[in-house]
Amino acid sequence: MNLHNAAQMTEALDFPLLTPVGPRSPLRVDREHRQPSVIPSYSRTLHWVYLGRLTLATAIFLAAVSVWLNADSAATLMASLGFIGALGFTAVSYFWTTTWSRPVSATFLYTQCAFDLLLVTVAVHVTWDGFQSQFAPLYILVIAVSALLVPPAGVPLNAALGIVLYMADAVLAHKVIPDSPLFFQLGLFAAVALTSSLNFGCARAT
């Protein structure tokens, strides 16, 4: 049966004619029907997290070194420990997911977020000036990025940890009396956590 006879039969049966695909005509997916990835992969997000973490730790250490003689000894010690800890923790995390090919578990991702919140707390502590620190908005960044790593229900937990760390550093370490600006910042942390968890939760569901 040739192609002409096949076309007549399909027209009689009211079936669409299928165009044969030759060996040199591979099937192609129409780009209009491709669904673009809304949420980046864990590996790509972790790579950016590692880069941002090392950048922050290096900036804190260089700032401490530049004022080493005039700075508080406790602040320089915290900056040095934060830098060394960031290097070691990031190296282990990188080898864990690449060289050692270990699975990226929920515990691993939560640990990444918790360490970054601790590192931001170190940055806030050593750069505290008067009643606040210019590095406090980094809490918002860490909370927002955590929505790319942990489930939506875990984002408020990270926000709660950031609020506790920031509140403890402000009240206990710097003797700040809780007032409206401080509560506004804490409320902003909670709002970012809620918004991020809802947005990325809906994105994962679609």
N, C-alpha and C. Protein backbone atom coordinates (compact mmCIF):
# COMPACT_ATOMS: atom_id res chain seq x y z
N MET A 1 0.85 -1.19 0.00
CA MET A 1 0.00 0.00 0.00
C MET A 1 0.88 1.24 0.00
N ASN A 2 0.68 2.14 -0.99
CA ASN A 2 1.49 3.33 -1.05
C ASN A 2 0.87 4.44 -0.23
N LEU A 3 1.55 5.58 -0.19
CA LEU A 3 1.12 6.71 0.63
C LEU A 3 -0.18 7.30 0.11
N HIS A 4 -0.38 7.30 -1.23
CA HIS A 4 -1.60 7.87 -1.81
C HIS A 4 -2.83 7.08 -1.39
N ASN A 5 -2.71 5.74 -1.44
CA ASN A 5 -3.82 4.91 -1.01
C ASN A 5 -4.11 5.08 0.47
N ALA A 6 -3.04 5.24 1.28
CA ALA A 6 -3.24 5.45 2.72
C ALA A 6 -3.97 6.75 2.98
N ALA A 7 -3.67 7.79 2.21
CA ALA A 7 -4.34 9.07 2.39
C ALA A 7 -5.81 8.95 2.06
N GLN A 8 -6.15 8.18 0.96
CA GLN A 8 -7.55 8.02 0.62
C GLN A 8 -8.31 7.25 1.69
N MET A 9 -7.67 6.26 2.27
CA MET A 9 -8.34 5.49 3.31
C MET A 9 -8.59 6.33 4.55
N THR A 10 -7.60 7.16 4.95
CA THR A 10 -7.78 8.00 6.13
C THR A 10 -8.83 9.05 5.90
N GLU A 11 -8.94 9.59 4.66
CA GLU A 11 -9.98 10.55 4.38
C GLU A 11 -11.36 9.88 4.45
N ALA A 12 -11.43 8.66 3.99
CA ALA A 12 -12.71 7.95 4.05
C ALA A 12 -13.12 7.66 5.48
N LEU A 13 -12.17 7.34 6.32
CA LEU A 13 -12.45 7.06 7.73
C LEU A 13 -12.48 8.30 8.59
N ASP A 14 -12.23 9.47 8.00
CA ASP A 14 -12.25 10.75 8.71
C ASP A 14 -11.19 10.78 9.80
N PHE A 15 -10.02 10.18 9.52
CA PHE A 15 -8.90 10.21 10.44
C PHE A 15 -7.85 11.16 9.89
N PRO A 16 -7.10 11.88 10.73
CA PRO A 16 -6.04 12.74 10.21
C PRO A 16 -4.89 11.90 9.68
N LEU A 17 -4.28 12.38 8.64
CA LEU A 17 -3.14 11.69 8.04
C LEU A 17 -1.89 11.97 8.84
N LEU A 18 -1.20 10.94 9.25
CA LEU A 18 0.03 11.06 10.01
C LEU A 18 1.19 11.14 9.04
N THR A 19 1.99 12.16 9.17
CA THR A 19 3.14 12.33 8.29
C THR A 19 4.28 11.45 8.79
N PRO A 20 4.81 10.57 8.00
CA PRO A 20 5.89 9.70 8.47
C PRO A 20 7.13 10.51 8.77
N VAL A 21 7.83 10.03 9.76
CA VAL A 21 9.08 10.67 10.18
C VAL A 21 10.23 9.82 9.71
N GLY A 22 11.10 10.40 8.92
CA GLY A 22 12.22 9.65 8.40
C GLY A 22 13.31 9.48 9.42
N PRO A 23 14.29 8.67 9.11
CA PRO A 23 15.38 8.45 10.07
C PRO A 23 16.21 9.69 10.32
N ARG A 24 16.19 10.64 9.41
CA ARG A 24 16.96 11.86 9.58
C ARG A 24 16.09 13.04 10.02
N SER A 25 14.85 12.75 10.44
CA SER A 25 13.96 13.81 10.91
C SER A 25 13.54 13.49 12.33
N PRO A 26 14.38 13.79 13.32
CA PRO A 26 14.06 13.46 14.71
C PRO A 26 12.88 14.28 15.20
N LEU A 27 12.16 13.69 16.15
CA LEU A 27 11.03 14.39 16.74
C LEU A 27 11.53 15.57 17.55
N ARG A 28 10.85 16.68 17.42
CA ARG A 28 11.22 17.89 18.14
C ARG A 28 10.04 18.37 18.97
N VAL A 29 10.35 18.88 20.13
CA VAL A 29 9.31 19.40 21.02
C VAL A 29 9.11 20.87 20.72
N ASP A 30 7.87 21.25 20.54
CA ASP A 30 7.58 22.64 20.25
C ASP A 30 7.93 23.51 21.45
N ARG A 31 8.68 24.58 21.22
CA ARG A 31 9.13 25.43 22.31
C ARG A 31 7.97 26.12 23.02
N GLU A 32 6.86 26.31 22.29
CA GLU A 32 5.73 26.98 22.91
C GLU A 32 5.08 26.12 23.98
N HIS A 33 5.26 24.79 23.90
CA HIS A 33 4.65 23.89 24.87
C HIS A 33 5.59 23.53 26.00
N ARG A 34 6.80 24.03 25.97
CA ARG A 34 7.73 23.76 27.06
C ARG A 34 7.39 24.63 28.25
N GLN A 35 7.43 24.02 29.43
CA GLN A 35 7.18 24.74 30.66
C GLN A 35 8.49 25.19 31.27
N PRO A 36 8.75 26.49 31.30
CA PRO A 36 10.00 26.95 31.88
C PRO A 36 10.06 26.67 33.37
N SER A 37 11.26 26.42 33.84
CA SER A 37 11.45 26.15 35.26
C SER A 37 11.32 27.43 36.07
N VAL A 38 10.35 27.44 36.98
CA VAL A 38 10.11 28.63 37.80
C VAL A 38 11.09 28.68 38.96
N ILE A 39 11.33 27.54 39.59
CA ILE A 39 12.20 27.47 40.76
C ILE A 39 13.53 26.86 40.34
N PRO A 40 14.65 27.50 40.65
CA PRO A 40 15.95 26.92 40.28
C PRO A 40 16.21 25.64 41.05
N SER A 41 17.11 24.84 40.52
CA SER A 41 17.44 23.56 41.16
C SER A 41 18.18 23.80 42.46
N TYR A 42 18.19 22.73 43.29
CA TYR A 42 18.89 22.83 44.57
C TYR A 42 20.37 23.09 44.37
N SER A 43 20.96 22.42 43.39
CA SER A 43 22.41 22.57 43.19
C SER A 43 22.76 24.01 42.80
N ARG A 44 21.98 24.60 41.90
CA ARG A 44 22.26 25.97 41.50
C ARG A 44 22.06 26.94 42.66
N THR A 45 20.98 26.74 43.41
CA THR A 45 20.73 27.61 44.57
C THR A 45 21.83 27.48 45.60
N LEU A 46 22.27 26.24 45.85
CA LEU A 46 23.33 26.05 46.84
C LEU A 46 24.64 26.69 46.40
N HIS A 47 24.94 26.65 45.12
CA HIS A 47 26.16 27.29 44.64
C HIS A 47 26.13 28.80 44.90
N TRP A 48 24.97 29.42 44.68
CA TRP A 48 24.85 30.85 44.96
C TRP A 48 24.90 31.11 46.47
N VAL A 49 24.34 30.20 47.25
CA VAL A 49 24.41 30.33 48.71
C VAL A 49 25.86 30.26 49.18
N TYR A 50 26.62 29.31 48.64
CA TYR A 50 28.03 29.20 49.02
C TYR A 50 28.80 30.48 48.67
N LEU A 51 28.54 31.00 47.47
CA LEU A 51 29.25 32.20 47.04
C LEU A 51 28.89 33.40 47.92
N GLY A 52 27.62 33.58 48.20
CA GLY A 52 27.22 34.69 49.06
C GLY A 52 27.75 34.56 50.46
N ARG A 53 27.78 33.33 50.99
CA ARG A 53 28.29 33.11 52.34
C ARG A 53 29.77 33.47 52.45
N LEU A 54 30.56 32.99 51.49
CA LEU A 54 31.99 33.30 51.52
C LEU A 54 32.26 34.78 51.29
N THR A 55 31.44 35.43 50.47
CA THR A 55 31.60 36.86 50.26
C THR A 55 31.34 37.64 51.54
N LEU A 56 30.28 37.28 52.24
CA LEU A 56 29.97 37.96 53.51
C LEU A 56 31.05 37.72 54.55
N ALA A 57 31.48 36.47 54.69
CA ALA A 57 32.50 36.15 55.69
C ALA A 57 33.81 36.87 55.38
N THR A 58 34.18 36.94 54.11
CA THR A 58 35.42 37.63 53.73
C THR A 58 35.32 39.13 54.00
N ALA A 59 34.15 39.72 53.71
CA ALA A 59 33.97 41.15 53.95
C ALA A 59 34.07 41.47 55.44
N ILE A 60 33.48 40.62 56.28
CA ILE A 60 33.56 40.85 57.72
C ILE A 60 35.00 40.74 58.20
N PHE A 61 35.71 39.73 57.71
CA PHE A 61 37.09 39.53 58.16
C PHE A 61 37.99 40.68 57.71
N LEU A 62 37.84 41.13 56.47
CA LEU A 62 38.66 42.24 55.99
C LEU A 62 38.35 43.53 56.74
N ALA A 63 37.07 43.72 57.07
CA ALA A 63 36.72 44.91 57.86
C ALA A 63 37.33 44.85 59.25
N ALA A 64 37.36 43.66 59.83
CA ALA A 64 37.97 43.51 61.16
C ALA A 64 39.48 43.71 61.10
N VAL A 65 40.10 43.22 60.03
CA VAL A 65 41.56 43.38 59.90
C VAL A 65 41.93 44.84 59.71
N SER A 66 41.10 45.58 58.97
CA SER A 66 41.43 46.99 58.70
C SER A 66 41.42 47.83 59.97
N VAL A 67 40.65 47.42 60.98
CA VAL A 67 40.60 48.18 62.24
C VAL A 67 41.04 47.29 63.40
N TRP A 68 41.98 46.40 63.11
CA TRP A 68 42.37 45.38 64.09
C TRP A 68 42.88 46.01 65.39
N LEU A 69 43.67 47.05 65.30
CA LEU A 69 44.29 47.64 66.49
C LEU A 69 43.29 48.44 67.32
N ASN A 70 42.30 49.03 66.66
CA ASN A 70 41.35 49.87 67.38
C ASN A 70 40.02 49.17 67.68
N ALA A 71 39.80 48.02 67.11
CA ALA A 71 38.53 47.33 67.30
C ALA A 71 38.52 46.54 68.60
N ASP A 72 37.32 46.22 69.03
CA ASP A 72 37.15 45.40 70.23
C ASP A 72 37.69 44.00 69.97
N SER A 73 38.36 43.45 70.95
CA SER A 73 38.97 42.13 70.77
C SER A 73 37.91 41.05 70.56
N ALA A 74 36.76 41.20 71.23
CA ALA A 74 35.70 40.21 71.06
C ALA A 74 35.13 40.27 69.64
N ALA A 75 35.01 41.47 69.10
CA ALA A 75 34.48 41.61 67.74
C ALA A 75 35.43 41.01 66.71
N THR A 76 36.72 41.28 66.86
CA THR A 76 37.68 40.71 65.91
C THR A 76 37.75 39.19 66.03
N LEU A 77 37.61 38.68 67.26
CA LEU A 77 37.60 37.23 67.44
C LEU A 77 36.39 36.61 66.75
N MET A 78 35.22 37.23 66.90
CA MET A 78 34.02 36.71 66.25
C MET A 78 34.14 36.77 64.73
N ALA A 79 34.71 37.85 64.22
CA ALA A 79 34.90 37.96 62.77
C ALA A 79 35.85 36.89 62.25
N SER A 80 36.92 36.64 62.99
CA SER A 80 37.87 35.61 62.57
C SER A 80 37.25 34.22 62.62
N LEU A 81 36.53 33.93 63.71
CA LEU A 81 35.87 32.63 63.81
C LEU A 81 34.79 32.45 62.75
N GLY A 82 34.07 33.54 62.46
CA GLY A 82 33.06 33.45 61.42
C GLY A 82 33.67 33.17 60.06
N PHE A 83 34.81 33.79 59.77
CA PHE A 83 35.48 33.57 58.50
C PHE A 83 35.98 32.14 58.38
N ILE A 84 36.65 31.66 59.43
CA ILE A 84 37.17 30.28 59.41
C ILE A 84 36.02 29.27 59.36
N GLY A 85 34.97 29.53 60.16
CA GLY A 85 33.83 28.62 60.15
C GLY A 85 33.13 28.58 58.81
N ALA A 86 33.00 29.74 58.15
CA ALA A 86 32.36 29.77 56.84
C ALA A 86 33.17 29.01 55.81
N LEU A 87 34.49 29.16 55.84
CA LEU A 87 35.34 28.42 54.91
C LEU A 87 35.21 26.91 55.12
N GLY A 88 35.32 26.48 56.37
CA GLY A 88 35.25 25.05 56.65
C GLY A 88 33.88 24.46 56.35
N PHE A 89 32.82 25.14 56.80
CA PHE A 89 31.47 24.61 56.60
C PHE A 89 31.10 24.58 55.12
N THR A 90 31.48 25.61 54.37
CA THR A 90 31.17 25.65 52.95
C THR A 90 31.94 24.57 52.19
N ALA A 91 33.22 24.36 52.56
CA ALA A 91 34.01 23.32 51.90
C ALA A 91 33.41 21.93 52.13
N VAL A 92 33.02 21.65 53.37
CA VAL A 92 32.41 20.35 53.67
C VAL A 92 31.09 20.20 52.93
N SER A 93 30.29 21.27 52.90
CA SER A 93 29.00 21.21 52.21
C SER A 93 29.18 20.99 50.72
N TYR A 94 30.17 21.64 50.14
CA TYR A 94 30.42 21.49 48.71
C TYR A 94 30.85 20.06 48.37
N PHE A 95 31.81 19.54 49.13
CA PHE A 95 32.26 18.17 48.87
C PHE A 95 31.16 17.15 49.16
N TRP A 96 30.28 17.48 50.10
CA TRP A 96 29.19 16.57 50.44
C TRP A 96 28.27 16.33 49.24
N THR A 97 27.98 17.39 48.50
CA THR A 97 27.04 17.29 47.40
C THR A 97 27.69 17.03 46.05
N THR A 98 29.00 17.18 45.94
CA THR A 98 29.66 17.00 44.64
C THR A 98 30.60 15.80 44.66
N THR A 99 31.70 15.94 45.36
CA THR A 99 32.72 14.88 45.34
C THR A 99 32.22 13.60 46.00
N TRP A 100 31.57 13.75 47.15
CA TRP A 100 31.10 12.57 47.87
C TRP A 100 29.75 12.08 47.37
N SER A 101 29.06 12.89 46.59
CA SER A 101 27.76 12.52 46.00
C SER A 101 26.76 12.05 47.04
N ARG A 102 26.73 12.73 48.16
CA ARG A 102 25.74 12.41 49.18
C ARG A 102 24.40 13.08 48.84
N PRO A 103 23.30 12.52 49.30
CA PRO A 103 21.99 13.11 48.98
C PRO A 103 21.78 14.43 49.73
N VAL A 104 21.06 15.31 49.09
CA VAL A 104 20.72 16.60 49.70
C VAL A 104 19.42 16.40 50.48
N SER A 105 19.57 16.12 51.76
CA SER A 105 18.42 15.83 52.60
C SER A 105 17.86 17.13 53.19
N ALA A 106 16.70 16.99 53.82
CA ALA A 106 16.09 18.14 54.48
C ALA A 106 16.96 18.65 55.62
N THR A 107 17.60 17.74 56.35
CA THR A 107 18.49 18.14 57.43
C THR A 107 19.66 18.96 56.90
N PHE A 108 20.21 18.55 55.77
CA PHE A 108 21.31 19.29 55.16
C PHE A 108 20.88 20.71 54.79
N LEU A 109 19.69 20.86 54.22
CA LEU A 109 19.22 22.17 53.79
C LEU A 109 18.90 23.07 54.99
N TYR A 110 18.28 22.50 56.01
CA TYR A 110 18.00 23.29 57.21
C TYR A 110 19.30 23.74 57.89
N THR A 111 20.30 22.87 57.85
CA THR A 111 21.59 23.23 58.45
C THR A 111 22.23 24.39 57.70
N GLN A 112 22.11 24.40 56.37
CA GLN A 112 22.64 25.51 55.58
C GLN A 112 21.98 26.83 55.99
N CYS A 113 20.67 26.81 56.13
CA CYS A 113 19.94 28.03 56.49
C CYS A 113 20.31 28.49 57.89
N ALA A 114 20.42 27.55 58.83
CA ALA A 114 20.75 27.91 60.20
C ALA A 114 22.15 28.51 60.29
N PHE A 115 23.09 27.94 59.56
CA PHE A 115 24.45 28.48 59.59
C PHE A 115 24.49 29.90 59.01
N ASP A 116 23.76 30.13 57.93
CA ASP A 116 23.75 31.46 57.33
C ASP A 116 23.13 32.48 58.27
N LEU A 117 22.10 32.09 59.02
CA LEU A 117 21.51 33.00 59.99
C LEU A 117 22.51 33.31 61.11
N LEU A 118 23.27 32.32 61.53
CA LEU A 118 24.31 32.57 62.55
C LEU A 118 25.39 33.49 62.01
N LEU A 119 25.78 33.30 60.75
CA LEU A 119 26.81 34.15 60.16
C LEU A 119 26.31 35.59 60.03
N VAL A 120 25.06 35.77 59.66
CA VAL A 120 24.49 37.11 59.60
C VAL A 120 24.46 37.75 60.98
N THR A 121 24.18 36.95 62.00
CA THR A 121 24.19 37.46 63.37
C THR A 121 25.58 37.94 63.77
N VAL A 122 26.60 37.22 63.34
CA VAL A 122 27.98 37.67 63.59
C VAL A 122 28.23 39.00 62.89
N ALA A 123 27.79 39.11 61.64
CA ALA A 123 27.98 40.36 60.90
C ALA A 123 27.23 41.51 61.58
N VAL A 124 26.03 41.25 62.04
CA VAL A 124 25.26 42.29 62.73
C VAL A 124 25.93 42.70 64.03
N HIS A 125 26.46 41.72 64.75
CA HIS A 125 27.08 42.01 66.04
C HIS A 125 28.33 42.88 65.90
N VAL A 126 29.19 42.53 64.96
CA VAL A 126 30.47 43.25 64.86
C VAL A 126 30.30 44.59 64.16
N THR A 127 29.16 44.82 63.47
CA THR A 127 28.95 46.10 62.79
C THR A 127 27.86 46.93 63.47
N TRP A 128 27.54 46.59 64.69
CA TRP A 128 26.48 47.32 65.40
C TRP A 128 26.94 48.74 65.70
N ASP A 129 26.07 49.68 65.37
CA ASP A 129 26.41 51.09 65.54
C ASP A 129 25.23 51.80 66.18
N GLY A 130 25.34 52.07 67.46
CA GLY A 130 24.26 52.77 68.16
C GLY A 130 23.10 51.86 68.48
N PHE A 131 22.06 51.91 67.63
CA PHE A 131 20.85 51.14 67.90
C PHE A 131 20.52 50.13 66.81
N GLN A 132 21.39 49.99 65.83
CA GLN A 132 21.10 49.06 64.75
C GLN A 132 22.37 48.72 63.99
N SER A 133 22.23 47.83 63.01
CA SER A 133 23.34 47.45 62.15
C SER A 133 22.86 47.51 60.71
N GLN A 134 23.74 47.96 59.83
CA GLN A 134 23.39 48.02 58.42
C GLN A 134 23.29 46.65 57.77
N PHE A 135 23.77 45.62 58.46
CA PHE A 135 23.71 44.26 57.92
C PHE A 135 22.43 43.54 58.33
N ALA A 136 21.54 44.17 59.08
CA ALA A 136 20.30 43.52 59.52
C ALA A 136 19.43 43.07 58.35
N PRO A 137 19.34 43.83 57.24
CA PRO A 137 18.51 43.33 56.11
C PRO A 137 18.97 42.00 55.53
N LEU A 138 20.19 41.56 55.85
CA LEU A 138 20.63 40.25 55.35
C LEU A 138 19.78 39.12 55.92
N TYR A 139 19.16 39.34 57.09
CA TYR A 139 18.23 38.33 57.60
C TYR A 139 17.11 38.10 56.59
N ILE A 140 16.61 39.18 56.00
CA ILE A 140 15.52 39.07 55.03
C ILE A 140 15.98 38.26 53.82
N LEU A 141 17.22 38.51 53.37
CA LEU A 141 17.74 37.77 52.23
C LEU A 141 17.85 36.28 52.53
N VAL A 142 18.37 35.94 53.69
CA VAL A 142 18.53 34.53 54.05
C VAL A 142 17.17 33.85 54.16
N ILE A 143 16.19 34.54 54.75
CA ILE A 143 14.85 33.97 54.88
C ILE A 143 14.22 33.75 53.51
N ALA A 144 14.40 34.71 52.61
CA ALA A 144 13.82 34.58 51.27
C ALA A 144 14.48 33.44 50.49
N VAL A 145 15.81 33.32 50.60
CA VAL A 145 16.51 32.25 49.89
C VAL A 145 16.16 30.89 50.49
N SER A 146 15.89 30.84 51.78
CA SER A 146 15.53 29.56 52.39
C SER A 146 14.25 28.98 51.80
N ALA A 147 13.40 29.85 51.23
CA ALA A 147 12.18 29.36 50.59
C ALA A 147 12.49 28.54 49.34
N LEU A 148 13.69 28.73 48.76
CA LEU A 148 14.12 27.93 47.62
C LEU A 148 14.68 26.57 48.02
N LEU A 149 14.96 26.39 49.30
CA LEU A 149 15.64 25.18 49.76
C LEU A 149 14.74 24.28 50.60
N VAL A 150 14.03 24.85 51.54
CA VAL A 150 13.24 24.04 52.47
C VAL A 150 11.77 24.08 52.05
N PRO A 151 10.95 23.16 52.58
CA PRO A 151 9.51 23.20 52.29
C PRO A 151 8.88 24.49 52.79
N PRO A 152 7.72 24.86 52.25
CA PRO A 152 7.07 26.11 52.68
C PRO A 152 6.83 26.19 54.18
N ALA A 153 6.53 25.06 54.81
CA ALA A 153 6.30 25.08 56.25
C ALA A 153 7.57 25.36 57.05
N GLY A 154 8.74 25.15 56.43
CA GLY A 154 10.00 25.38 57.14
C GLY A 154 10.48 26.82 57.08
N VAL A 155 9.93 27.62 56.18
CA VAL A 155 10.38 29.01 56.06
C VAL A 155 10.05 29.81 57.32
N PRO A 156 8.83 29.70 57.89
CA PRO A 156 8.59 30.41 59.15
C PRO A 156 9.50 29.96 60.29
N LEU A 157 9.95 28.71 60.27
CA LEU A 157 10.89 28.26 61.30
C LEU A 157 12.22 28.99 61.16
N ASN A 158 12.70 29.14 59.93
CA ASN A 158 13.93 29.90 59.73
C ASN A 158 13.75 31.36 60.13
N ALA A 159 12.59 31.92 59.82
CA ALA A 159 12.32 33.30 60.22
C ALA A 159 12.29 33.44 61.74
N ALA A 160 11.70 32.45 62.41
CA ALA A 160 11.65 32.49 63.87
C ALA A 160 13.06 32.43 64.47
N LEU A 161 13.93 31.60 63.88
CA LEU A 161 15.30 31.53 64.35
C LEU A 161 16.01 32.86 64.13
N GLY A 162 15.80 33.49 62.96
CA GLY A 162 16.42 34.79 62.71
C GLY A 162 15.92 35.85 63.67
N ILE A 163 14.63 35.83 63.98
CA ILE A 163 14.08 36.81 64.93
C ILE A 163 14.69 36.62 66.31
N VAL A 164 14.80 35.37 66.74
CA VAL A 164 15.38 35.10 68.07
C VAL A 164 16.84 35.55 68.12
N LEU A 165 17.61 35.24 67.09
CA LEU A 165 19.02 35.62 67.08
C LEU A 165 19.19 37.14 67.06
N TYR A 166 18.41 37.81 66.23
CA TYR A 166 18.53 39.27 66.14
C TYR A 166 18.07 39.94 67.43
N MET A 167 16.98 39.45 67.99
CA MET A 167 16.47 40.00 69.25
C MET A 167 17.46 39.78 70.38
N ALA A 168 18.03 38.59 70.45
CA ALA A 168 18.99 38.29 71.52
C ALA A 168 20.24 39.15 71.39
N ASP A 169 20.74 39.33 70.17
CA ASP A 169 21.94 40.15 70.00
C ASP A 169 21.67 41.60 70.34
N ALA A 170 20.49 42.10 69.95
CA ALA A 170 20.18 43.51 70.20
C ALA A 170 19.95 43.78 71.69
N VAL A 171 19.19 42.91 72.34
CA VAL A 171 18.80 43.17 73.73
C VAL A 171 19.89 42.73 74.70
N LEU A 172 20.45 41.54 74.50
CA LEU A 172 21.41 41.02 75.46
C LEU A 172 22.82 41.54 75.25
N ALA A 173 23.27 41.59 74.00
CA ALA A 173 24.65 41.99 73.73
C ALA A 173 24.81 43.50 73.67
N HIS A 174 23.82 44.20 73.12
CA HIS A 174 23.97 45.65 72.94
C HIS A 174 23.04 46.47 73.83
N LYS A 175 22.31 45.80 74.70
CA LYS A 175 21.48 46.48 75.71
C LYS A 175 20.47 47.44 75.07
N VAL A 176 19.90 47.02 73.95
CA VAL A 176 18.90 47.85 73.28
C VAL A 176 17.54 47.59 73.91
N ILE A 177 16.83 48.67 74.23
CA ILE A 177 15.48 48.55 74.76
C ILE A 177 14.52 48.33 73.59
N PRO A 178 13.72 47.26 73.63
CA PRO A 178 12.80 47.01 72.50
C PRO A 178 11.86 48.19 72.28
N ASP A 179 11.82 48.69 71.07
CA ASP A 179 10.98 49.82 70.73
C ASP A 179 10.34 49.59 69.37
N SER A 180 9.70 50.60 68.85
CA SER A 180 8.97 50.46 67.58
C SER A 180 9.86 50.08 66.40
N PRO A 181 11.04 50.73 66.19
CA PRO A 181 11.88 50.32 65.05
C PRO A 181 12.31 48.85 65.11
N LEU A 182 12.62 48.38 66.31
CA LEU A 182 13.04 46.98 66.43
C LEU A 182 11.89 46.04 66.11
N PHE A 183 10.71 46.33 66.65
CA PHE A 183 9.56 45.49 66.37
C PHE A 183 9.15 45.57 64.90
N PHE A 184 9.38 46.71 64.28
CA PHE A 184 9.09 46.83 62.85
C PHE A 184 9.99 45.90 62.04
N GLN A 185 11.27 45.84 62.39
CA GLN A 185 12.18 44.94 61.69
C GLN A 185 11.79 43.48 61.90
N LEU A 186 11.41 43.13 63.12
CA LEU A 186 10.99 41.75 63.38
C LEU A 186 9.72 41.40 62.62
N GLY A 187 8.79 42.35 62.56
CA GLY A 187 7.58 42.12 61.78
C GLY A 187 7.87 41.97 60.30
N LEU A 188 8.87 42.71 59.81
CA LEU A 188 9.26 42.59 58.41
C LEU A 188 9.85 41.21 58.12
N PHE A 189 10.64 40.69 59.06
CA PHE A 189 11.17 39.33 58.89
C PHE A 189 10.03 38.32 58.76
N ALA A 190 9.03 38.45 59.65
CA ALA A 190 7.90 37.51 59.61
C ALA A 190 7.09 37.66 58.33
N ALA A 191 6.92 38.89 57.85
CA ALA A 191 6.15 39.11 56.62
C ALA A 191 6.85 38.50 55.42
N VAL A 192 8.18 38.66 55.37
CA VAL A 192 8.94 38.07 54.27
C VAL A 192 8.85 36.55 54.30
N ALA A 193 8.90 35.97 55.49
CA ALA A 193 8.80 34.51 55.61
C ALA A 193 7.45 34.02 55.14
N LEU A 194 6.38 34.71 55.54
CA LEU A 194 5.05 34.29 55.14
C LEU A 194 4.85 34.43 53.64
N THR A 195 5.28 35.56 53.09
CA THR A 195 5.12 35.79 51.65
C THR A 195 5.93 34.79 50.83
N SER A 196 7.17 34.54 51.25
CA SER A 196 8.03 33.61 50.51
C SER A 196 7.47 32.20 50.55
N SER A 197 7.00 31.77 51.72
CA SER A 197 6.47 30.41 51.83
C SER A 197 5.23 30.23 50.98
N LEU A 198 4.38 31.24 50.92
CA LEU A 198 3.17 31.15 50.10
C LEU A 198 3.50 31.15 48.61
N ASN A 199 4.39 32.07 48.20
CA ASN A 199 4.71 32.17 46.78
C ASN A 199 5.38 30.92 46.25
N PHE A 200 6.42 30.45 46.94
CA PHE A 200 7.14 29.29 46.45
C PHE A 200 6.35 28.01 46.68
N GLY A 201 5.47 28.02 47.67
CA GLY A 201 4.60 26.86 47.84
C GLY A 201 3.64 26.71 46.67
N CYS A 202 3.08 27.82 46.21
CA CYS A 202 2.21 27.78 45.03
C CYS A 202 3.01 27.43 43.77
N ALA A 203 4.26 27.93 43.68
CA ALA A 203 5.07 27.62 42.51
C ALA A 203 5.43 26.15 42.43
N ARG A 204 5.69 25.53 43.57
CA ARG A 204 6.00 24.10 43.57
C ARG A 204 4.76 23.27 43.24
N ALA A 205 3.59 23.78 43.59
CA ALA A 205 2.37 23.01 43.36
C ALA A 205 1.95 23.01 41.90
N THR A 206 2.39 24.03 41.13
CA THR A 206 1.99 24.13 39.73
C THR A 206 2.94 23.36 38.84
